[in-house]
Amino acid sequence: MQNRPTRSELAQLINQARLDRHISIRSAARIAGVPAATVQGWLAGRHFPTPALRPKFLLLVEALELDHLLHPALWLDDLPQAKNSG
């Protein structure tokens, strides 16, 4: 079974795909419908899209034809942590 990329690895893959296609940060931001600073943060791995911005992030991922790299575990950190009852 193929290893799935981590959030950081996915950010690097998306950024490389953007560079390979000669798409500027501003153009990537237009594709996603978010400010350029938001895309820069995503692609630098400084932050991952909030649940509210996830559909916009997915627009960029799909435009770069990388949606096959996404997997449900990417979003697990967004779930509330269950408290251990001891």
N, C-alpha and C. Protein backbone atom coordinates (compact mmCIF):
# COMPACT_ATOMS: atom_id res chain seq x y z
N MET A 1 0.85 -1.19 0.00
CA MET A 1 0.00 0.00 0.00
C MET A 1 0.89 1.25 0.00
N GLN A 2 0.52 2.22 -0.81
CA GLN A 2 1.30 3.44 -0.95
C GLN A 2 1.12 4.33 0.28
N ASN A 3 2.23 4.93 0.74
CA ASN A 3 2.14 5.86 1.85
C ASN A 3 1.43 7.12 1.41
N ARG A 4 0.62 7.65 2.29
CA ARG A 4 -0.09 8.89 2.01
C ARG A 4 0.75 10.05 2.51
N PRO A 5 0.74 11.18 1.79
CA PRO A 5 1.55 12.32 2.24
C PRO A 5 0.97 12.95 3.50
N THR A 6 1.86 13.46 4.35
CA THR A 6 1.43 14.23 5.52
C THR A 6 0.98 15.60 5.04
N ARG A 7 0.46 16.40 5.94
CA ARG A 7 0.05 17.76 5.58
C ARG A 7 1.23 18.55 5.03
N SER A 8 2.37 18.43 5.68
CA SER A 8 3.56 19.15 5.24
C SER A 8 4.01 18.68 3.86
N GLU A 9 4.02 17.38 3.66
CA GLU A 9 4.40 16.83 2.36
C GLU A 9 3.41 17.24 1.27
N LEU A 10 2.13 17.26 1.62
CA LEU A 10 1.12 17.68 0.66
C LEU A 10 1.33 19.13 0.26
N ALA A 11 1.63 19.98 1.23
CA ALA A 11 1.90 21.39 0.93
C ALA A 11 3.07 21.51 -0.05
N GLN A 12 4.11 20.73 0.17
CA GLN A 12 5.27 20.76 -0.73
C GLN A 12 4.90 20.27 -2.12
N LEU A 13 4.09 19.21 -2.20
CA LEU A 13 3.67 18.68 -3.49
C LEU A 13 2.80 19.68 -4.25
N ILE A 14 1.90 20.33 -3.54
CA ILE A 14 1.03 21.32 -4.17
C ILE A 14 1.86 22.49 -4.67
N ASN A 15 2.78 22.96 -3.84
CA ASN A 15 3.61 24.08 -4.25
C ASN A 15 4.47 23.71 -5.45
N GLN A 16 5.02 22.52 -5.47
CA GLN A 16 5.84 22.10 -6.61
C GLN A 16 5.00 22.00 -7.88
N ALA A 17 3.79 21.47 -7.75
CA ALA A 17 2.90 21.38 -8.92
C ALA A 17 2.57 22.78 -9.43
N ARG A 18 2.38 23.73 -8.52
CA ARG A 18 2.11 25.11 -8.90
C ARG A 18 3.30 25.68 -9.66
N LEU A 19 4.49 25.46 -9.13
CA LEU A 19 5.71 25.96 -9.79
C LEU A 19 5.91 25.30 -11.15
N ASP A 20 5.68 24.00 -11.23
CA ASP A 20 5.85 23.27 -12.49
C ASP A 20 4.92 23.80 -13.58
N ARG A 21 3.76 24.30 -13.16
CA ARG A 21 2.78 24.83 -14.11
C ARG A 21 2.92 26.34 -14.31
N HIS A 22 3.93 26.92 -13.68
CA HIS A 22 4.20 28.37 -13.77
C HIS A 22 2.99 29.19 -13.33
N ILE A 23 2.37 28.76 -12.24
CA ILE A 23 1.22 29.47 -11.67
C ILE A 23 1.73 30.29 -10.49
N SER A 24 1.48 31.58 -10.53
CA SER A 24 1.91 32.46 -9.45
C SER A 24 1.04 32.24 -8.21
N ILE A 25 1.53 32.73 -7.09
CA ILE A 25 0.74 32.68 -5.86
C ILE A 25 -0.58 33.41 -6.06
N ARG A 26 -0.53 34.56 -6.71
CA ARG A 26 -1.77 35.33 -6.95
C ARG A 26 -2.74 34.55 -7.83
N SER A 27 -2.22 33.88 -8.85
CA SER A 27 -3.10 33.07 -9.70
C SER A 27 -3.68 31.89 -8.93
N ALA A 28 -2.87 31.27 -8.09
CA ALA A 28 -3.35 30.17 -7.26
C ALA A 28 -4.43 30.68 -6.31
N ALA A 29 -4.24 31.88 -5.80
CA ALA A 29 -5.23 32.48 -4.90
C ALA A 29 -6.54 32.73 -5.65
N ARG A 30 -6.45 33.18 -6.89
CA ARG A 30 -7.67 33.41 -7.70
C ARG A 30 -8.39 32.07 -7.95
N ILE A 31 -7.62 31.03 -8.22
CA ILE A 31 -8.22 29.70 -8.43
C ILE A 31 -9.00 29.27 -7.19
N ALA A 32 -8.38 29.48 -6.02
CA ALA A 32 -9.00 29.05 -4.76
C ALA A 32 -10.03 30.05 -4.25
N GLY A 33 -9.97 31.28 -4.72
CA GLY A 33 -10.91 32.30 -4.24
C GLY A 33 -10.58 32.79 -2.84
N VAL A 34 -9.30 32.85 -2.53
CA VAL A 34 -8.84 33.33 -1.21
C VAL A 34 -7.72 34.34 -1.42
N PRO A 35 -7.37 35.09 -0.38
CA PRO A 35 -6.24 36.02 -0.50
C PRO A 35 -4.92 35.28 -0.76
N ALA A 36 -4.01 35.97 -1.44
CA ALA A 36 -2.70 35.39 -1.74
C ALA A 36 -1.97 34.98 -0.46
N ALA A 37 -2.10 35.77 0.60
CA ALA A 37 -1.43 35.44 1.86
C ALA A 37 -1.92 34.10 2.41
N THR A 38 -3.18 33.79 2.19
CA THR A 38 -3.72 32.51 2.66
C THR A 38 -3.07 31.36 1.90
N VAL A 39 -2.99 31.49 0.58
CA VAL A 39 -2.35 30.44 -0.23
C VAL A 39 -0.88 30.31 0.15
N GLN A 40 -0.21 31.42 0.37
CA GLN A 40 1.20 31.36 0.77
C GLN A 40 1.35 30.56 2.05
N GLY A 41 0.49 30.80 3.01
CA GLY A 41 0.53 30.05 4.26
C GLY A 41 0.31 28.57 4.06
N TRP A 42 -0.65 28.23 3.19
CA TRP A 42 -0.91 26.81 2.89
C TRP A 42 0.31 26.17 2.26
N LEU A 43 0.87 26.83 1.25
CA LEU A 43 1.95 26.22 0.48
C LEU A 43 3.28 26.21 1.22
N ALA A 44 3.44 27.10 2.18
CA ALA A 44 4.65 27.11 2.99
C ALA A 44 4.52 26.14 4.16
N GLY A 45 3.33 25.57 4.33
CA GLY A 45 3.11 24.64 5.43
C GLY A 45 2.95 25.32 6.78
N ARG A 46 2.74 26.64 6.77
CA ARG A 46 2.57 27.36 8.04
C ARG A 46 1.23 27.05 8.69
N HIS A 47 0.22 26.79 7.86
CA HIS A 47 -1.08 26.41 8.38
C HIS A 47 -1.81 25.59 7.34
N PHE A 48 -2.81 24.89 7.79
CA PHE A 48 -3.63 24.06 6.91
C PHE A 48 -5.00 24.70 6.85
N PRO A 49 -5.75 24.52 5.78
CA PRO A 49 -7.04 25.20 5.67
C PRO A 49 -7.98 24.85 6.82
N THR A 50 -8.63 25.87 7.30
CA THR A 50 -9.67 25.65 8.32
C THR A 50 -10.82 24.91 7.66
N PRO A 51 -11.69 24.30 8.46
CA PRO A 51 -12.85 23.62 7.85
C PRO A 51 -13.65 24.54 6.93
N ALA A 52 -13.76 25.81 7.27
CA ALA A 52 -14.52 26.74 6.42
C ALA A 52 -13.84 26.98 5.07
N LEU A 53 -12.51 26.93 5.03
CA LEU A 53 -11.78 27.17 3.79
C LEU A 53 -11.42 25.89 3.04
N ARG A 54 -11.76 24.76 3.59
CA ARG A 54 -11.42 23.48 2.96
C ARG A 54 -11.95 23.38 1.52
N PRO A 55 -13.20 23.78 1.23
CA PRO A 55 -13.66 23.70 -0.16
C PRO A 55 -12.81 24.55 -1.12
N LYS A 56 -12.33 25.68 -0.64
CA LYS A 56 -11.49 26.55 -1.47
C LYS A 56 -10.13 25.88 -1.71
N PHE A 57 -9.58 25.29 -0.67
CA PHE A 57 -8.32 24.55 -0.78
C PHE A 57 -8.47 23.42 -1.80
N LEU A 58 -9.60 22.73 -1.74
CA LEU A 58 -9.84 21.62 -2.65
C LEU A 58 -9.93 22.09 -4.10
N LEU A 59 -10.43 23.30 -4.33
CA LEU A 59 -10.45 23.85 -5.69
C LEU A 59 -9.03 23.94 -6.25
N LEU A 60 -8.10 24.41 -5.43
CA LEU A 60 -6.72 24.53 -5.86
C LEU A 60 -6.10 23.15 -6.10
N VAL A 61 -6.33 22.24 -5.17
CA VAL A 61 -5.79 20.88 -5.29
C VAL A 61 -6.31 20.21 -6.57
N GLU A 62 -7.59 20.37 -6.84
CA GLU A 62 -8.18 19.77 -8.03
C GLU A 62 -7.64 20.43 -9.30
N ALA A 63 -7.48 21.75 -9.28
CA ALA A 63 -6.95 22.46 -10.45
C ALA A 63 -5.53 21.99 -10.78
N LEU A 64 -4.79 21.62 -9.75
CA LEU A 64 -3.42 21.12 -9.94
C LEU A 64 -3.39 19.61 -10.17
N GLU A 65 -4.57 19.00 -10.23
CA GLU A 65 -4.73 17.57 -10.48
C GLU A 65 -4.02 16.72 -9.44
N LEU A 66 -4.14 17.13 -8.19
CA LEU A 66 -3.52 16.39 -7.09
C LEU A 66 -4.54 15.81 -6.12
N ASP A 67 -5.81 15.86 -6.48
CA ASP A 67 -6.83 15.40 -5.55
C ASP A 67 -6.70 13.91 -5.22
N HIS A 68 -6.00 13.14 -6.04
CA HIS A 68 -5.77 11.73 -5.74
C HIS A 68 -4.86 11.55 -4.51
N LEU A 69 -4.16 12.62 -4.11
CA LEU A 69 -3.26 12.54 -2.95
C LEU A 69 -3.98 12.79 -1.63
N LEU A 70 -5.21 13.27 -1.70
CA LEU A 70 -5.95 13.58 -0.47
C LEU A 70 -6.49 12.30 0.16
N HIS A 71 -6.54 12.31 1.47
CA HIS A 71 -7.12 11.19 2.18
C HIS A 71 -7.75 11.70 3.46
N PRO A 72 -8.74 11.01 4.00
CA PRO A 72 -9.48 11.49 5.16
C PRO A 72 -8.61 11.80 6.38
N ALA A 73 -7.51 11.10 6.55
CA ALA A 73 -6.66 11.32 7.73
C ALA A 73 -6.06 12.73 7.76
N LEU A 74 -6.01 13.41 6.61
CA LEU A 74 -5.49 14.78 6.61
C LEU A 74 -6.29 15.69 7.52
N TRP A 75 -7.56 15.39 7.66
CA TRP A 75 -8.45 16.27 8.41
C TRP A 75 -8.63 15.84 9.86
N LEU A 76 -8.02 14.74 10.27
CA LEU A 76 -8.24 14.22 11.62
C LEU A 76 -7.82 15.19 12.72
N ASP A 77 -6.79 15.98 12.47
CA ASP A 77 -6.35 16.93 13.49
C ASP A 77 -7.41 17.97 13.79
N ASP A 78 -8.39 18.11 12.92
CA ASP A 78 -9.46 19.09 13.12
C ASP A 78 -10.53 18.60 14.09
N LEU A 79 -10.53 17.30 14.37
CA LEU A 79 -11.55 16.74 15.25
C LEU A 79 -11.23 17.03 16.71
N PRO A 80 -12.27 17.28 17.51
CA PRO A 80 -12.02 17.48 18.95
C PRO A 80 -11.39 16.23 19.56
N GLN A 81 -10.45 16.44 20.43
CA GLN A 81 -9.79 15.32 21.08
C GLN A 81 -10.68 14.76 22.19
N ALA A 82 -10.83 13.46 22.20
CA ALA A 82 -11.61 12.81 23.26
C ALA A 82 -10.77 12.77 24.53
N LYS A 83 -11.41 13.06 25.63
CA LYS A 83 -10.70 13.01 26.92
C LYS A 83 -10.68 11.58 27.43
N ASN A 84 -9.55 11.20 27.96
CA ASN A 84 -9.44 9.86 28.55
C ASN A 84 -10.12 9.86 29.90
N SER A 85 -11.00 8.91 30.08
CA SER A 85 -11.63 8.79 31.39
C SER A 85 -10.95 7.64 32.11
N GLY A 86 -10.36 7.94 33.23
CA GLY A 86 -9.57 6.93 33.85
C GLY A 86 -10.14 6.44 35.06
